[in-house]
């Protein structure tokens, strides 16, 4: 079974940062940061709001 997904990972990291983990979000374009293509791909599987 695949992982949770891009947005779930982003929200989980933001929650850890708010709790004081000391982590930082990667800057756009840096190594390991999600690309624009990754966001476009994840938008195709996003659930629509009701």
C-alpha atoms as a PDB file:
ATOM      1  CA  UNK A   1       0.000   0.000   0.000  1.00  0.00           C
ATOM      2  CA  UNK A   2       1.439   3.405  -0.910  1.00  0.00           C
ATOM      3  CA  UNK A   3       2.182   6.128   1.625  1.00  0.00           C
ATOM      4  CA  UNK A   4      -0.209   8.842   2.737  1.00  0.00           C
ATOM      5  CA  UNK A   5       0.700  11.334   0.031  1.00  0.00           C
ATOM      6  CA  UNK A   6       2.337  14.684  -0.492  1.00  0.00           C
ATOM      7  CA  UNK A   7      -0.174  16.908   1.290  1.00  0.00           C
ATOM      8  CA  UNK A   8      -0.498  14.539   4.252  1.00  0.00           C
ATOM      9  CA  UNK A   9       3.285  14.586   4.657  1.00  0.00           C
ATOM     10  CA  UNK A  10       3.399  18.390   4.456  1.00  0.00           C
ATOM     11  CA  UNK A  11       0.670  18.814   7.080  1.00  0.00           C
ATOM     12  CA  UNK A  12       2.293  16.242   9.373  1.00  0.00           C
ATOM     13  CA  UNK A  13       5.619  18.091   9.192  1.00  0.00           C
ATOM     14  CA  UNK A  14       3.954  21.447   9.882  1.00  0.00           C
ATOM     15  CA  UNK A  15       2.319  19.892  12.948  1.00  0.00           C
ATOM     16  CA  UNK A  16       5.690  18.568  14.187  1.00  0.00           C
ATOM     17  CA  UNK A  17       7.303  21.986  13.623  1.00  0.00           C
ATOM     18  CA  UNK A  18       4.514  23.711  15.569  1.00  0.00           C
ATOM     19  CA  UNK A  19       5.099  21.251  18.407  1.00  0.00           C
ATOM     20  CA  UNK A  20       8.742  22.332  18.577  1.00  0.00           C
ATOM     21  CA  UNK A  21      10.599  19.572  16.730  1.00  0.00           C
ATOM     22  CA  UNK A  22      13.245  21.990  15.428  1.00  0.00           C
ATOM     23  CA  UNK A  23      12.728  20.864  11.832  1.00  0.00           C
ATOM     24  CA  UNK A  24      12.440  23.334   8.972  1.00  0.00           C
ATOM     25  CA  UNK A  25      10.532  23.190   5.704  1.00  0.00           C
ATOM     26  CA  UNK A  26      12.723  22.902   2.608  1.00  0.00           C
ATOM     27  CA  UNK A  27      12.892  25.894   0.307  1.00  0.00           C
ATOM     28  CA  UNK A  28      11.358  25.507  -3.174  1.00  0.00           C
ATOM     29  CA  UNK A  29      13.992  24.291  -5.604  1.00  0.00           C
ATOM     30  CA  UNK A  30      16.255  22.789  -2.954  1.00  0.00           C
ATOM     31  CA  UNK A  31      17.250  19.127  -3.056  1.00  0.00           C
ATOM     32  CA  UNK A  32      14.510  16.909  -1.649  1.00  0.00           C
ATOM     33  CA  UNK A  33      11.798  19.564  -1.832  1.00  0.00           C
ATOM     34  CA  UNK A  34       8.638  18.712  -3.793  1.00  0.00           C
ATOM     35  CA  UNK A  35       8.662  19.980  -7.356  1.00  0.00           C
ATOM     36  CA  UNK A  36       5.858  21.685  -9.245  1.00  0.00           C
ATOM     37  CA  UNK A  37       5.316  18.396 -11.074  1.00  0.00           C
ATOM     38  CA  UNK A  38       4.831  16.601  -7.752  1.00  0.00           C
ATOM     39  CA  UNK A  39       2.122  19.085  -6.770  1.00  0.00           C
ATOM     40  CA  UNK A  40       0.380  18.684 -10.152  1.00  0.00           C
ATOM     41  CA  UNK A  41       0.484  14.896  -9.810  1.00  0.00           C
ATOM     42  CA  UNK A  42      -0.920  14.961  -6.273  1.00  0.00           C
ATOM     43  CA  UNK A  43      -3.717  17.345  -7.311  1.00  0.00           C
ATOM     44  CA  UNK A  44      -5.045  14.657  -9.657  1.00  0.00           C
ATOM     45  CA  UNK A  45      -5.760  12.346  -6.700  1.00  0.00           C
ATOM     46  CA  UNK A  46      -6.985  15.008  -4.251  1.00  0.00           C
ATOM     47  CA  UNK A  47     -10.441  14.534  -2.802  1.00  0.00           C
ATOM     48  CA  UNK A  48     -12.961  17.147  -3.846  1.00  0.00           C
ATOM     49  CA  UNK A  49     -14.600  19.272  -1.139  1.00  0.00           C
ATOM     50  CA  UNK A  50     -18.300  18.601  -0.693  1.00  0.00           C
END
